Amino acid sequence: MMAGRFNCHATLLLIGVTLRGPVDERLGNIFGGSIQSKAPLLVSANSIRGGAVLPLAGGRVEKVGRQIHRHLAFVRELLGDDPWARKR
C-alpha cells in the first residue's frame, strides 16, 4: 500500500467517563488548530459516543511517537505513574 509521504500511521481511541475531560481538551486543541500544507505530521480528531478517535500520520515514527505521548500525557496523572518510563 502506498502512503505517500507518510510512513507511520497510528490511531488513538479514547473512551470512558474518566477520560471525558482529557478527551474534550484534545478535541478542542485539534479542532482549534491550523492546517499546514505539506505538514510532516497530521493529527485529526473525531468525536464518538463516549470518547474520541485520533488518527495520526507522519513521515517518521519518532514524530508520531512524540505526538502520541503528548496526547496521552494525562495518563501519568490518572495512574500516578509513567507507563512509558523504563522500568529497571
N, C-alpha and C. Protein backbone atom coordinates (compact mmCIF):
# COMPACT_ATOMS: atom_id res chain seq x y z
N MET A 1 0.84 -1.19 0.00
CA MET A 1 0.00 0.00 0.00
C MET A 1 0.88 1.24 0.00
N MET A 2 0.62 2.13 -0.88
CA MET A 2 1.36 3.39 -0.95
C MET A 2 0.71 4.40 -0.01
N ALA A 3 1.54 5.07 0.78
CA ALA A 3 1.03 6.04 1.75
C ALA A 3 1.59 7.43 1.50
N GLY A 4 2.14 7.67 0.33
CA GLY A 4 2.69 8.98 0.03
C GLY A 4 3.84 9.32 0.94
N ARG A 5 3.83 10.50 1.50
CA ARG A 5 4.93 10.93 2.36
C ARG A 5 4.84 10.38 3.78
N PHE A 6 3.79 9.66 4.10
CA PHE A 6 3.60 9.15 5.46
C PHE A 6 3.99 7.68 5.56
N ASN A 7 4.93 7.40 6.42
CA ASN A 7 5.41 6.04 6.64
C ASN A 7 4.89 5.43 7.94
N CYS A 8 4.29 6.24 8.78
CA CYS A 8 3.82 5.77 10.09
C CYS A 8 2.39 6.26 10.32
N HIS A 9 1.52 5.34 10.67
CA HIS A 9 0.12 5.66 10.95
C HIS A 9 -0.23 5.08 12.32
N ALA A 10 -1.01 5.83 13.09
CA ALA A 10 -1.45 5.36 14.40
C ALA A 10 -2.87 5.88 14.64
N THR A 11 -3.58 5.20 15.51
CA THR A 11 -4.92 5.64 15.90
C THR A 11 -5.04 5.52 17.41
N LEU A 12 -5.42 6.62 18.04
CA LEU A 12 -5.70 6.61 19.48
C LEU A 12 -7.21 6.55 19.66
N LEU A 13 -7.65 5.67 20.50
CA LEU A 13 -9.07 5.53 20.82
C LEU A 13 -9.21 5.84 22.30
N LEU A 14 -9.85 6.95 22.61
CA LEU A 14 -10.01 7.41 23.99
C LEU A 14 -11.49 7.33 24.35
N ILE A 15 -11.83 6.38 25.21
CA ILE A 15 -13.23 6.14 25.56
C ILE A 15 -13.37 5.97 27.06
N GLY A 16 -14.40 6.54 27.63
CA GLY A 16 -14.71 6.32 29.03
C GLY A 16 -15.04 7.60 29.77
N VAL A 17 -15.84 7.47 30.79
CA VAL A 17 -16.27 8.61 31.60
C VAL A 17 -15.06 9.31 32.23
N THR A 18 -14.10 8.54 32.70
CA THR A 18 -12.91 9.09 33.35
C THR A 18 -12.12 9.97 32.39
N LEU A 19 -12.22 9.70 31.11
CA LEU A 19 -11.44 10.43 30.11
C LEU A 19 -12.18 11.62 29.50
N ARG A 20 -13.37 11.90 29.98
CA ARG A 20 -14.19 12.97 29.39
C ARG A 20 -13.44 14.30 29.32
N GLY A 21 -12.80 14.72 30.40
CA GLY A 21 -12.06 15.99 30.42
C GLY A 21 -10.90 16.00 29.45
N PRO A 22 -9.99 15.00 29.53
CA PRO A 22 -8.88 14.96 28.58
C PRO A 22 -9.34 14.85 27.12
N VAL A 23 -10.42 14.11 26.87
CA VAL A 23 -10.93 13.99 25.50
C VAL A 23 -11.42 15.34 25.00
N ASP A 24 -12.21 16.04 25.81
CA ASP A 24 -12.71 17.36 25.41
C ASP A 24 -11.56 18.32 25.14
N GLU A 25 -10.52 18.24 25.96
CA GLU A 25 -9.35 19.12 25.77
C GLU A 25 -8.66 18.80 24.45
N ARG A 26 -8.46 17.53 24.14
CA ARG A 26 -7.82 17.15 22.89
C ARG A 26 -8.65 17.57 21.69
N LEU A 27 -9.95 17.34 21.77
CA LEU A 27 -10.83 17.74 20.67
C LEU A 27 -10.75 19.25 20.44
N GLY A 28 -10.78 20.01 21.51
CA GLY A 28 -10.70 21.47 21.39
C GLY A 28 -9.37 21.93 20.80
N ASN A 29 -8.27 21.32 21.24
CA ASN A 29 -6.96 21.69 20.72
C ASN A 29 -6.82 21.36 19.25
N ILE A 30 -7.27 20.19 18.87
CA ILE A 30 -7.12 19.77 17.47
C ILE A 30 -8.07 20.55 16.57
N PHE A 31 -9.33 20.72 16.99
CA PHE A 31 -10.27 21.47 16.17
C PHE A 31 -9.88 22.94 16.07
N GLY A 32 -9.23 23.47 17.11
CA GLY A 32 -8.84 24.88 17.12
C GLY A 32 -7.52 25.15 16.42
N GLY A 33 -6.81 24.12 16.02
CA GLY A 33 -5.50 24.29 15.38
C GLY A 33 -5.62 24.65 13.91
N SER A 34 -4.50 25.09 13.36
CA SER A 34 -4.47 25.46 11.95
C SER A 34 -3.95 24.28 11.12
N ILE A 35 -4.29 24.28 9.87
CA ILE A 35 -3.86 23.23 8.95
C ILE A 35 -2.73 23.79 8.10
N GLN A 36 -1.61 23.05 8.05
CA GLN A 36 -0.46 23.46 7.26
C GLN A 36 -0.35 22.59 6.01
N SER A 37 -0.09 23.21 4.89
CA SER A 37 0.12 22.47 3.66
C SER A 37 1.41 21.67 3.75
N LYS A 38 1.37 20.41 3.38
CA LYS A 38 2.52 19.50 3.39
C LYS A 38 3.16 19.36 4.77
N ALA A 39 2.35 19.39 5.81
CA ALA A 39 2.85 19.21 7.17
C ALA A 39 3.49 17.84 7.31
N PRO A 40 4.58 17.73 8.10
CA PRO A 40 5.23 16.43 8.28
C PRO A 40 4.44 15.47 9.18
N LEU A 41 3.43 16.01 9.87
CA LEU A 41 2.63 15.21 10.79
C LEU A 41 1.19 15.70 10.72
N LEU A 42 0.26 14.77 10.58
CA LEU A 42 -1.16 15.12 10.57
C LEU A 42 -1.85 14.44 11.74
N VAL A 43 -2.66 15.21 12.45
CA VAL A 43 -3.46 14.68 13.55
C VAL A 43 -4.89 15.17 13.34
N SER A 44 -5.82 14.27 13.45
CA SER A 44 -7.22 14.61 13.31
C SER A 44 -7.93 14.14 14.58
N ALA A 45 -9.17 14.53 14.75
CA ALA A 45 -9.95 14.08 15.90
C ALA A 45 -11.40 13.96 15.48
N ASN A 46 -12.00 12.88 15.91
CA ASN A 46 -13.41 12.65 15.64
C ASN A 46 -14.09 12.26 16.94
N SER A 47 -15.13 12.98 17.25
CA SER A 47 -15.91 12.68 18.44
C SER A 47 -16.77 11.45 18.16
N ILE A 48 -16.77 10.53 19.11
CA ILE A 48 -17.65 9.36 19.04
C ILE A 48 -18.39 9.27 20.37
N ARG A 49 -19.40 8.45 20.43
CA ARG A 49 -20.15 8.32 21.67
C ARG A 49 -19.23 7.79 22.76
N GLY A 50 -19.09 8.56 23.82
CA GLY A 50 -18.27 8.14 24.95
C GLY A 50 -16.79 8.45 24.82
N GLY A 51 -16.38 9.18 23.75
CA GLY A 51 -14.97 9.46 23.62
C GLY A 51 -14.59 10.09 22.30
N ALA A 52 -13.39 9.71 21.82
CA ALA A 52 -12.87 10.28 20.59
C ALA A 52 -11.89 9.31 19.93
N VAL A 53 -11.74 9.49 18.63
CA VAL A 53 -10.75 8.76 17.84
C VAL A 53 -9.79 9.80 17.28
N LEU A 54 -8.49 9.57 17.48
CA LEU A 54 -7.48 10.48 16.96
C LEU A 54 -6.55 9.72 16.01
N PRO A 55 -6.74 9.85 14.71
CA PRO A 55 -5.82 9.25 13.76
C PRO A 55 -4.61 10.16 13.56
N LEU A 56 -3.43 9.57 13.45
CA LEU A 56 -2.19 10.31 13.24
C LEU A 56 -1.45 9.71 12.05
N ALA A 57 -0.73 10.55 11.33
CA ALA A 57 0.10 10.08 10.22
C ALA A 57 1.33 10.97 10.16
N GLY A 58 2.49 10.36 9.99
CA GLY A 58 3.73 11.11 9.91
C GLY A 58 4.76 10.41 9.07
N GLY A 59 5.75 11.16 8.68
CA GLY A 59 6.82 10.60 7.88
C GLY A 59 7.81 9.79 8.69
N ARG A 60 7.88 10.06 9.99
CA ARG A 60 8.85 9.38 10.85
C ARG A 60 8.16 8.84 12.11
N VAL A 61 8.55 7.65 12.50
CA VAL A 61 7.99 7.01 13.69
C VAL A 61 8.20 7.88 14.92
N GLU A 62 9.35 8.50 15.02
CA GLU A 62 9.68 9.32 16.19
C GLU A 62 8.70 10.48 16.36
N LYS A 63 8.36 11.15 15.26
CA LYS A 63 7.42 12.27 15.34
C LYS A 63 6.04 11.81 15.78
N VAL A 64 5.59 10.70 15.21
CA VAL A 64 4.28 10.16 15.59
C VAL A 64 4.31 9.72 17.05
N GLY A 65 5.37 9.08 17.48
CA GLY A 65 5.50 8.65 18.87
C GLY A 65 5.46 9.80 19.85
N ARG A 66 6.17 10.89 19.52
CA ARG A 66 6.15 12.08 20.40
C ARG A 66 4.75 12.66 20.49
N GLN A 67 4.05 12.67 19.37
CA GLN A 67 2.68 13.20 19.37
C GLN A 67 1.75 12.32 20.19
N ILE A 68 1.91 11.01 20.11
CA ILE A 68 1.12 10.09 20.93
C ILE A 68 1.38 10.35 22.40
N HIS A 69 2.63 10.47 22.78
CA HIS A 69 2.97 10.75 24.19
C HIS A 69 2.38 12.08 24.65
N ARG A 70 2.41 13.08 23.77
CA ARG A 70 1.86 14.39 24.12
C ARG A 70 0.35 14.29 24.37
N HIS A 71 -0.35 13.55 23.51
CA HIS A 71 -1.80 13.43 23.66
C HIS A 71 -2.20 12.51 24.81
N LEU A 72 -1.31 11.64 25.24
CA LEU A 72 -1.61 10.73 26.35
C LEU A 72 -0.90 11.13 27.65
N ALA A 73 -0.38 12.34 27.71
CA ALA A 73 0.33 12.79 28.91
C ALA A 73 -0.54 12.73 30.17
N PHE A 74 -1.83 12.92 30.02
CA PHE A 74 -2.75 12.90 31.16
C PHE A 74 -2.80 11.53 31.84
N VAL A 75 -2.40 10.47 31.15
CA VAL A 75 -2.44 9.11 31.71
C VAL A 75 -1.53 9.00 32.93
N ARG A 76 -0.42 9.71 32.93
CA ARG A 76 0.50 9.69 34.08
C ARG A 76 -0.22 10.10 35.36
N GLU A 77 -1.02 11.17 35.26
CA GLU A 77 -1.77 11.64 36.44
C GLU A 77 -2.83 10.64 36.86
N LEU A 78 -3.53 10.07 35.90
CA LEU A 78 -4.58 9.10 36.23
C LEU A 78 -4.02 7.87 36.93
N LEU A 79 -2.85 7.40 36.48
CA LEU A 79 -2.25 6.19 37.04
C LEU A 79 -1.34 6.46 38.24
N GLY A 80 -0.90 7.72 38.37
CA GLY A 80 0.05 8.02 39.43
C GLY A 80 1.43 7.45 39.11
N ASP A 81 1.68 7.17 37.83
CA ASP A 81 2.95 6.59 37.39
C ASP A 81 3.07 6.85 35.89
N ASP A 82 4.27 6.72 35.39
CA ASP A 82 4.51 6.91 33.97
C ASP A 82 4.61 5.54 33.30
N PRO A 83 3.58 5.13 32.56
CA PRO A 83 3.62 3.79 31.96
C PRO A 83 4.66 3.65 30.85
N TRP A 84 5.21 4.77 30.37
CA TRP A 84 6.21 4.72 29.32
C TRP A 84 7.64 4.85 29.83
N ALA A 85 7.80 5.02 31.14
CA ALA A 85 9.14 5.14 31.71
C ALA A 85 9.79 3.75 31.71
N ARG A 86 11.07 3.74 31.50
CA ARG A 86 11.78 2.46 31.55
C ARG A 86 11.82 1.95 32.99
N LYS A 87 11.44 0.74 33.14
CA LYS A 87 11.48 0.11 34.47
C LYS A 87 12.78 -0.66 34.58
N ARG A 88 13.44 -0.55 35.75
CA ARG A 88 14.70 -1.29 35.96
C ARG A 88 14.53 -2.32 37.02
